Protein backbone atom coordinates (compact mmCIF):
# COMPACT_ATOMS: atom_id res chain seq x y z
CA UNK A 1 76.82 92.26 60.55
CA UNK A 2 79.49 89.70 60.21
CA UNK A 3 82.98 91.61 60.26
CA UNK A 4 85.83 90.16 58.34
CA UNK A 5 89.15 90.16 60.62
CA UNK A 6 92.62 88.86 60.20
CA UNK A 7 93.46 85.78 62.42
CA UNK A 8 95.60 87.92 64.38
CA UNK A 9 92.65 90.35 64.95
CA UNK A 10 90.48 87.56 65.94
CA UNK A 11 92.87 86.22 68.06
CA UNK A 12 93.30 89.56 69.89
CA UNK A 13 89.44 89.83 70.30
CA UNK A 14 89.85 86.50 72.24
CA UNK A 15 92.42 87.97 74.43
CA UNK A 16 89.53 91.30 74.84
CA UNK A 17 87.07 88.60 76.05
CA UNK A 18 89.08 86.64 78.46
CA UNK A 19 90.49 89.86 80.11
CA UNK A 20 86.74 91.18 80.46
CA UNK A 21 85.85 87.38 81.46
CA UNK A 22 88.21 87.21 84.16
CA UNK A 23 89.68 90.65 85.21
CA UNK A 24 86.97 93.34 85.12
CA UNK A 25 86.29 93.90 88.76
CA UNK A 26 83.23 91.96 89.39
CA UNK A 27 81.65 94.51 92.01
CA UNK A 28 81.73 97.08 89.13
CA UNK A 29 80.01 94.83 86.76
CA UNK A 30 77.75 94.19 88.90
CA UNK A 31 76.74 98.03 89.08
CA UNK A 32 77.00 98.65 85.66
CA UNK A 33 74.33 95.64 84.81
CA UNK A 34 72.18 96.73 87.43
CA UNK A 35 72.49 100.64 86.46
CA UNK A 36 73.80 101.37 89.63
CA UNK A 37 75.97 104.51 89.75
CA UNK A 38 79.64 104.19 90.47
CA UNK A 39 82.15 105.74 93.20
CA UNK A 40 85.00 107.65 92.46
CA UNK A 41 86.34 104.27 93.98
CA UNK A 42 84.54 101.90 91.59
CA UNK A 43 86.07 104.12 88.96
CA UNK A 44 89.51 103.51 89.96
CA UNK A 45 89.30 100.17 90.09
CA UNK A 46 88.10 99.64 86.81
CA UNK A 47 91.31 101.84 85.16
CA UNK A 48 93.51 100.15 87.49
CA UNK A 49 92.45 96.55 86.53
CA UNK A 50 93.39 98.00 82.54
CA UNK A 51 96.49 99.63 83.81
CA UNK A 52 97.61 96.20 85.41
CA UNK A 53 96.82 94.72 81.94
CA UNK A 54 99.62 97.13 80.19
CA UNK A 55 96.05 98.26 78.08
CA UNK A 56 95.72 102.02 79.59
CA UNK A 57 97.96 103.23 76.56
CA UNK A 58 95.69 101.69 74.31
CA UNK A 59 95.87 104.42 71.87
CA UNK A 60 99.56 105.65 72.12
CA UNK A 61 102.24 104.52 70.45
CA UNK A 62 105.01 102.06 71.99
CA UNK A 63 107.73 104.62 72.75
CA UNK A 64 105.73 106.45 74.85
CA UNK A 65 104.61 103.37 77.06
CA UNK A 66 101.08 102.99 75.00
CA UNK A 67 100.30 99.30 73.66
CA UNK A 68 101.11 100.42 69.81
CA UNK A 69 97.83 98.83 68.73
CA UNK A 70 96.74 98.94 65.57
CA UNK A 71 93.61 100.78 64.60
CA UNK A 72 91.73 97.73 63.91
CA UNK A 73 92.69 96.81 67.41
CA UNK A 74 91.98 99.53 68.60
CA UNK A 75 87.99 99.26 67.57
CA UNK A 76 88.24 96.00 69.02
CA UNK A 77 89.06 96.73 72.33
CA UNK A 78 86.58 99.33 72.37
CA UNK A 79 83.56 97.68 70.81
CA UNK A 80 84.49 94.35 73.17
CA UNK A 81 84.38 96.59 76.24
CA UNK A 82 81.33 98.44 75.19
CA UNK A 83 79.40 95.05 74.51
CA UNK A 84 80.58 93.91 77.98
CA UNK A 85 79.37 97.20 79.54
CA UNK A 86 82.00 98.64 81.21
CA UNK A 87 82.28 102.27 81.94
CA UNK A 88 83.97 103.89 79.59
CA UNK A 89 87.96 104.52 80.04
CA UNK A 90 87.95 108.17 81.19
CA UNK A 91 89.25 110.14 78.28
CA UNK A 92 90.51 113.32 79.90
CA UNK A 93 94.13 111.77 80.74
CA UNK A 94 94.03 108.83 78.43
CA UNK A 95 93.22 110.53 75.06
CA UNK A 96 93.20 114.32 75.76
CA UNK A 97 95.99 115.95 77.96
CA UNK A 98 98.37 112.52 77.22
CA UNK A 99 98.85 112.91 73.06
CA UNK A 100 98.69 116.25 73.71
CA UNK A 101 101.84 116.04 76.27
CA UNK A 102 103.58 113.43 74.03
CA UNK A 103 103.33 115.09 70.99
CA UNK A 104 103.83 118.85 72.26
CA UNK A 105 105.81 118.73 75.17
CA UNK A 106 109.13 118.58 76.48
CA UNK A 107 111.16 115.52 77.86
CA UNK A 108 110.80 116.86 81.45
CA UNK A 109 106.97 117.06 81.19
CA UNK A 110 106.63 114.07 79.34
CA UNK A 111 108.48 111.70 82.26
CA UNK A 112 106.77 113.37 84.72
CA UNK A 113 103.01 113.18 83.48
CA UNK A 114 102.85 110.07 81.25
CA UNK A 115 103.84 107.01 83.50
CA UNK A 116 101.18 108.76 86.08
CA UNK A 117 98.13 108.43 83.42
CA UNK A 118 99.08 105.00 82.18
CA UNK A 119 99.41 103.62 85.71
CA UNK A 120 96.12 105.91 86.70
CA UNK A 121 97.47 107.96 89.59
CA UNK A 122 96.40 110.99 88.35
CA UNK A 123 92.67 111.64 87.29
CA UNK A 124 92.80 114.72 85.10
CA UNK A 125 90.01 117.16 84.41
CA UNK A 126 88.79 119.12 81.15
CA UNK A 127 89.71 122.99 81.63
CA UNK A 128 87.91 124.68 78.48
CA UNK A 129 84.19 125.48 78.37
CA UNK A 130 83.34 128.94 80.14
CA UNK A 131 80.31 130.84 81.16
CA UNK A 132 79.56 132.44 77.66
CA UNK A 133 81.93 130.47 75.74
CA UNK A 134 81.26 127.09 75.09
CA UNK A 135 81.16 126.31 71.60
CA UNK A 136 82.46 129.44 70.61
CA UNK A 137 85.87 127.84 72.83
CA UNK A 138 88.19 130.68 70.88
CA UNK A 139 86.33 133.15 72.99
CA UNK A 140 87.32 131.93 76.45
CA UNK A 141 88.62 134.96 78.94
CA UNK A 142 90.39 133.31 81.46
CA UNK A 143 93.92 134.70 82.00
CA UNK A 144 97.08 133.81 83.13
CA UNK A 145 100.02 136.47 83.39
CA UNK A 146 103.58 135.82 83.55
CA UNK A 147 105.14 136.90 86.59
CA UNK A 148 108.58 135.48 87.01
CA UNK A 149 108.98 131.91 86.75
CA UNK A 150 105.33 131.53 87.16
CA UNK A 151 101.76 132.47 85.40
CA UNK A 152 99.10 134.05 87.90
CA UNK A 153 95.64 132.56 86.34
CA UNK A 154 91.86 134.54 86.74
CA UNK A 155 89.12 133.46 85.38
CA UNK A 156 86.71 130.58 85.37
CA UNK A 157 85.58 127.27 83.75
CA UNK A 158 82.09 125.78 83.43
CA UNK A 159 80.77 122.16 82.92
CA UNK A 160 84.08 119.97 84.02
CA UNK A 161 82.84 117.02 84.26
CA UNK A 162 83.86 115.30 87.48
CA UNK A 163 86.80 118.02 88.42
CA UNK A 164 85.20 117.13 91.91
CA UNK A 165 87.54 113.85 91.70
CA UNK A 166 90.33 115.47 89.71
CA UNK A 167 93.89 115.44 90.64
CA UNK A 168 94.77 117.81 87.93
CA UNK A 169 92.74 119.77 85.39
CA UNK A 170 94.17 120.94 81.70
CA UNK A 171 93.26 124.40 80.92
CA UNK A 172 93.44 126.53 78.00
CA UNK A 173 94.21 130.07 78.90
CA UNK A 174 94.65 133.63 77.46
CA UNK A 175 98.05 134.29 77.83
CA UNK A 176 97.57 137.71 75.21
CA UNK A 177 94.76 139.95 73.98
CA UNK A 178 94.74 139.77 70.09
CA UNK A 179 92.68 140.81 67.51
CA UNK A 180 92.36 137.36 66.18
CA UNK A 181 91.15 135.33 69.28
CA UNK A 182 92.54 132.06 68.52
CA UNK A 183 95.48 133.43 68.89
CA UNK A 184 97.01 134.09 72.66
CA UNK A 185 95.78 130.75 73.62
CA UNK A 186 97.74 128.88 75.77
CA UNK A 187 97.56 125.14 77.13
CA UNK A 188 98.69 124.85 80.51
CA UNK A 189 98.46 122.37 83.55
CA UNK A 190 97.06 123.07 86.57
CA UNK A 191 97.49 120.92 90.10
CA UNK A 192 93.97 121.01 91.78
CA UNK A 193 95.23 121.15 95.01
CA UNK A 194 96.81 125.17 94.48
CA UNK A 195 95.48 127.56 96.14
CA UNK A 196 93.00 129.47 94.93
CA UNK A 197 90.95 126.92 92.91
CA UNK A 198 87.29 126.63 94.47
CA UNK A 199 85.14 123.52 93.08
CA UNK A 200 81.30 124.09 92.74
CA UNK A 201 79.00 121.50 91.79
CA UNK A 202 76.55 121.83 89.16
CA UNK A 203 73.42 119.63 89.79
CA UNK A 204 72.07 118.40 86.36
CA UNK A 205 68.51 117.49 85.13
CA UNK A 206 68.50 113.89 86.10
CA UNK A 207 69.50 115.22 89.88
CA UNK A 208 73.27 114.37 89.27
CA UNK A 209 76.56 115.86 90.11
CA UNK A 210 78.40 115.18 87.37
CA UNK A 211 79.94 118.54 85.88
CA UNK A 212 81.28 121.58 88.06
CA UNK A 213 81.92 125.32 88.09
CA UNK A 214 85.54 125.82 89.09
CA UNK A 215 86.99 129.04 89.45
CA UNK A 216 90.52 130.62 89.67
CA UNK A 217 91.30 133.62 91.96
CA UNK A 218 94.80 134.64 91.91
CA UNK A 219 96.48 130.45 91.32
CA UNK A 220 99.94 130.63 90.99
CA UNK A 221 101.12 127.66 88.52
CA UNK A 222 104.53 127.31 87.47
CA UNK A 223 105.71 128.27 83.94
CA UNK A 224 106.81 125.11 83.58
CA UNK A 225 104.04 123.22 83.19
CA UNK A 226 102.43 125.19 80.01
CA UNK A 227 102.91 122.83 76.83
CA UNK A 228 104.67 123.98 74.03
CA UNK A 229 104.92 127.24 72.95
CA UNK A 230 102.91 130.71 74.63
CA UNK A 231 100.18 131.26 71.86
CA UNK A 232 99.85 128.07 70.67
CA UNK A 233 96.86 126.83 72.58
CA UNK A 234 94.32 126.51 69.86
CA UNK A 235 96.61 124.54 67.57
CA UNK A 236 97.36 121.76 70.54
CA UNK A 237 93.39 122.39 71.53
CA UNK A 238 92.05 121.51 67.68
CA UNK A 239 94.58 118.03 67.94
CA UNK A 240 92.90 116.67 70.92
CA UNK A 241 89.39 117.43 69.73
CA UNK A 242 89.94 115.83 66.66
CA UNK A 243 91.42 112.67 68.88
CA UNK A 244 88.65 112.79 71.22
CA UNK A 245 85.47 112.83 68.60
CA UNK A 246 87.04 109.44 66.82
CA UNK A 247 85.14 106.47 69.13
CA UNK A 248 82.69 109.06 70.25
CA UNK A 249 80.32 106.85 68.19
CA UNK A 250 80.61 104.18 71.17
CA UNK A 251 78.88 101.60 68.60
CA UNK A 252 79.56 98.65 71.13
CA UNK A 253 77.48 100.17 74.07
CA UNK A 254 74.86 101.02 71.53
CA UNK A 255 74.77 97.58 70.91
CA UNK A 256 74.68 96.35 73.68
CA UNK A 257 71.57 98.46 75.35
CA UNK A 258 69.71 97.50 71.57
CA UNK A 259 69.83 94.05 72.87
CA UNK A 260 68.35 94.67 76.50
CA UNK A 261 66.02 97.23 74.50
CA UNK A 262 64.92 94.64 72.13
CA UNK A 263 64.24 91.33 74.68
CA UNK A 264 62.40 93.92 76.72
CA UNK A 265 60.61 95.04 73.72
CA UNK A 266 59.10 91.56 72.34
CA UNK A 267 56.87 91.27 75.97
CA UNK A 268 55.20 94.07 75.17
CA UNK A 269 52.46 93.94 72.89
CA UNK A 270 53.19 97.20 70.93
CA UNK A 271 53.72 96.68 67.42
CA UNK A 272 54.77 100.48 67.04
CA UNK A 273 57.28 100.40 69.65
CA UNK A 274 59.07 97.38 67.74
CA UNK A 275 59.27 99.33 64.73
CA UNK A 276 60.65 101.90 66.08
CA UNK A 277 63.28 99.77 67.32
CA UNK A 278 63.39 97.73 63.72
CA UNK A 279 64.09 101.05 62.44
CA UNK A 280 66.87 101.91 65.22
CA UNK A 281 68.47 98.81 64.81
CA UNK A 282 68.86 99.54 61.17
CA UNK A 283 70.33 103.01 61.62
CA UNK A 284 72.99 100.97 63.99
CA UNK A 285 74.00 98.91 61.92
CA UNK A 286 74.57 101.56 59.18
CA UNK A 287 76.77 103.89 61.89
CA UNK A 288 78.66 100.69 62.37
CA UNK A 289 79.05 100.65 58.61
CA UNK A 290 80.03 104.30 58.31
CA UNK A 291 82.80 103.74 61.53
CA UNK A 292 84.23 100.50 59.47
CA UNK A 293 84.50 102.40 56.32
CA UNK A 294 86.67 105.02 58.44
CA UNK A 295 88.44 102.09 60.19
CA UNK A 296 89.69 100.85 56.57
CA UNK A 297 91.06 104.82 55.64
CA UNK A 298 92.70 105.19 58.92
CA UNK A 299 94.14 101.56 58.53
CA UNK A 300 95.79 102.84 54.89
CA UNK A 301 97.30 106.19 56.34
CA UNK A 302 94.62 108.40 56.99
CA UNK A 303 94.47 110.43 59.66
CA UNK A 304 90.53 111.32 61.69
CA UNK A 305 89.59 114.63 60.22
CA UNK A 306 85.67 116.09 59.41
CA UNK A 307 84.24 112.45 58.95
CA UNK A 308 84.60 111.81 62.08
CA UNK A 309 82.27 114.70 62.74
CA UNK A 310 79.73 112.17 61.02
CA UNK A 311 80.28 109.27 63.49
CA UNK A 312 79.80 112.16 66.69
CA UNK A 313 76.61 113.33 65.03
CA UNK A 314 74.92 110.13 64.28
CA UNK A 315 76.61 107.93 67.27
CA UNK A 316 74.90 110.42 70.04
CA UNK A 317 72.13 110.85 68.68
CA UNK A 318 71.24 106.86 68.60
CA UNK A 319 72.43 106.66 72.28
CA UNK A 320 69.75 109.68 72.74
CA UNK A 321 67.10 107.24 70.49
CA UNK A 322 67.78 104.06 72.70
CA UNK A 323 67.16 106.27 75.90
CA UNK A 324 64.25 107.68 74.63
CA UNK A 325 62.71 104.09 73.31
CA UNK A 326 63.48 102.65 76.68
CA UNK A 327 61.40 105.43 78.01
CA UNK A 328 58.67 104.84 76.29
CA UNK A 329 59.05 101.08 76.94
CA UNK A 330 58.60 101.88 80.63
CA UNK A 331 55.28 103.05 79.64
CA UNK A 332 53.40 104.74 83.41
CA UNK A 333 56.19 103.44 85.39
CA UNK A 334 58.46 106.07 83.62
CA UNK A 335 56.27 108.85 85.77
CA UNK A 336 57.40 107.31 89.26
CA UNK A 337 60.37 109.55 89.04
CA UNK A 338 63.31 109.59 90.53
CA UNK A 339 61.84 105.91 92.03
CA UNK A 340 58.85 104.51 93.85
CA UNK A 341 57.54 106.35 96.77
CA UNK A 342 55.97 105.12 99.98
CA UNK A 343 56.19 101.90 102.29
CA UNK A 344 54.27 99.17 102.57
CA UNK A 345 50.50 98.82 101.29
CA UNK A 346 50.84 102.90 100.22
CA UNK A 347 54.14 102.23 98.03
CA UNK A 348 53.46 102.68 94.15
CA UNK A 349 54.87 99.64 92.52
CA UNK A 350 58.21 100.07 90.93
CA UNK A 351 57.56 98.16 87.34
CA UNK A 352 59.35 96.17 85.32
CA UNK A 353 63.03 95.86 86.04
CA UNK A 354 64.21 98.76 83.69
CA UNK A 355 61.90 101.49 84.67
CA UNK A 356 63.48 103.13 87.42
CA UNK A 357 66.36 104.14 85.42
CA UNK A 358 64.83 104.83 82.44
CA UNK A 359 64.12 108.45 82.67
CA UNK A 360 67.52 109.31 84.61
CA UNK A 361 69.35 107.70 82.02
CA UNK A 362 67.41 109.28 79.36
CA UNK A 363 67.80 112.93 80.93
CA UNK A 364 71.42 112.28 81.50
CA UNK A 365 71.88 111.58 77.74
CA UNK A 366 70.97 114.68 76.83
CA UNK A 367 74.47 115.86 77.06
CA UNK A 368 75.96 113.36 74.55
CA UNK A 369 75.16 115.83 71.32
CA UNK A 370 76.59 118.73 73.40
CA UNK A 371 79.88 117.15 74.73
CA UNK A 372 82.88 116.80 72.29
CA UNK A 373 81.81 119.88 70.15
CA UNK A 374 78.04 119.99 69.78
CA UNK A 375 76.16 118.14 66.91
CA UNK A 376 75.04 121.88 65.36
CA UNK A 377 79.18 122.69 65.56
CA UNK A 378 79.73 119.02 63.51
CA UNK A 379 77.60 119.63 60.71
CA UNK A 380 79.27 123.23 60.44
CA UNK A 381 82.35 121.29 59.85
CA UNK A 382 80.98 118.66 57.33
CA UNK A 383 79.42 121.52 55.41
CA UNK A 384 82.83 123.38 55.10
CA UNK A 385 85.52 120.36 54.71
CA UNK A 386 83.53 117.58 53.63
CA UNK A 387 80.73 119.02 51.22
CA UNK A 388 82.78 121.94 50.37
CA UNK A 389 80.02 124.78 51.26
């Protein structure tokens, strides 16, 4: 679709494109373009390139070291990064804990943590979900008991993305047992090097180590690491989740993936698959229009609320549908998973270039309808706050 931006927005878009052309690390781009898994150092290199440009705080106000960009500029930046095939900026620092710290933290905490996030000197992870309390986050049981100037923490977190790489974790912990489960929860920052922390990998269905279980046994954390008031963590968590869900639609990345899929399908004699791709393209255009409508509302002073759940649901469904169609386009070669076997004359054919990665991507993307609040939870939010049911 054609979008009418202002002259200054177009100039900004050109600046973003120039950055991605000239300063996007070539080794990271090569791996992204060819479906090669990124290493921890690759991710650091990409984030450092954004940081050096001064754009790490793309969604932060200027007074805390951010860019102060308008909502439209943020949209342009995210879309162009998606179209260029960049890995998404890790949300845990810049989009999650960072805004919580500069909104609810004290001056000492802001001075200590915010510069490291902007420089990507600290890799953060999120300690929310627990065994038995995933979408029902308020039922969490990890306890933090005050002992002088410290909290002693015991419990566990699960599905902790990239905890094996993280320097710090921000956690919701129970500092008080109350009749109302949303009360008595606090938001605390924990150094992953603290004694008593154990990270165990969870190998996902695609065979990758992306998520983890994190165990806390008598972990002592300075009370100074508590953000805001004790017992107010649920308020801060809701604030964080509202920001996490906006932008989760990832329209730019889906448009790039769709363009490649269209090229693949154009070479196949499969009218049924072609119709599916056309329908997906229509759905993606509709999602983009919906995102632009919310963008317009935000530019006029609104705040991301329940409407962002609509983007989360359709955005993640489209991401999953894309991977399903890639598998369908790979045909029988999708059965050769996790890849060709054998050597020489006995080697199994690899098939089309996209085939080896199609199943792995399909399996990995099953997660998108769960993270950021499951799509079932999002539908409840829409029902209650948008439809008034």
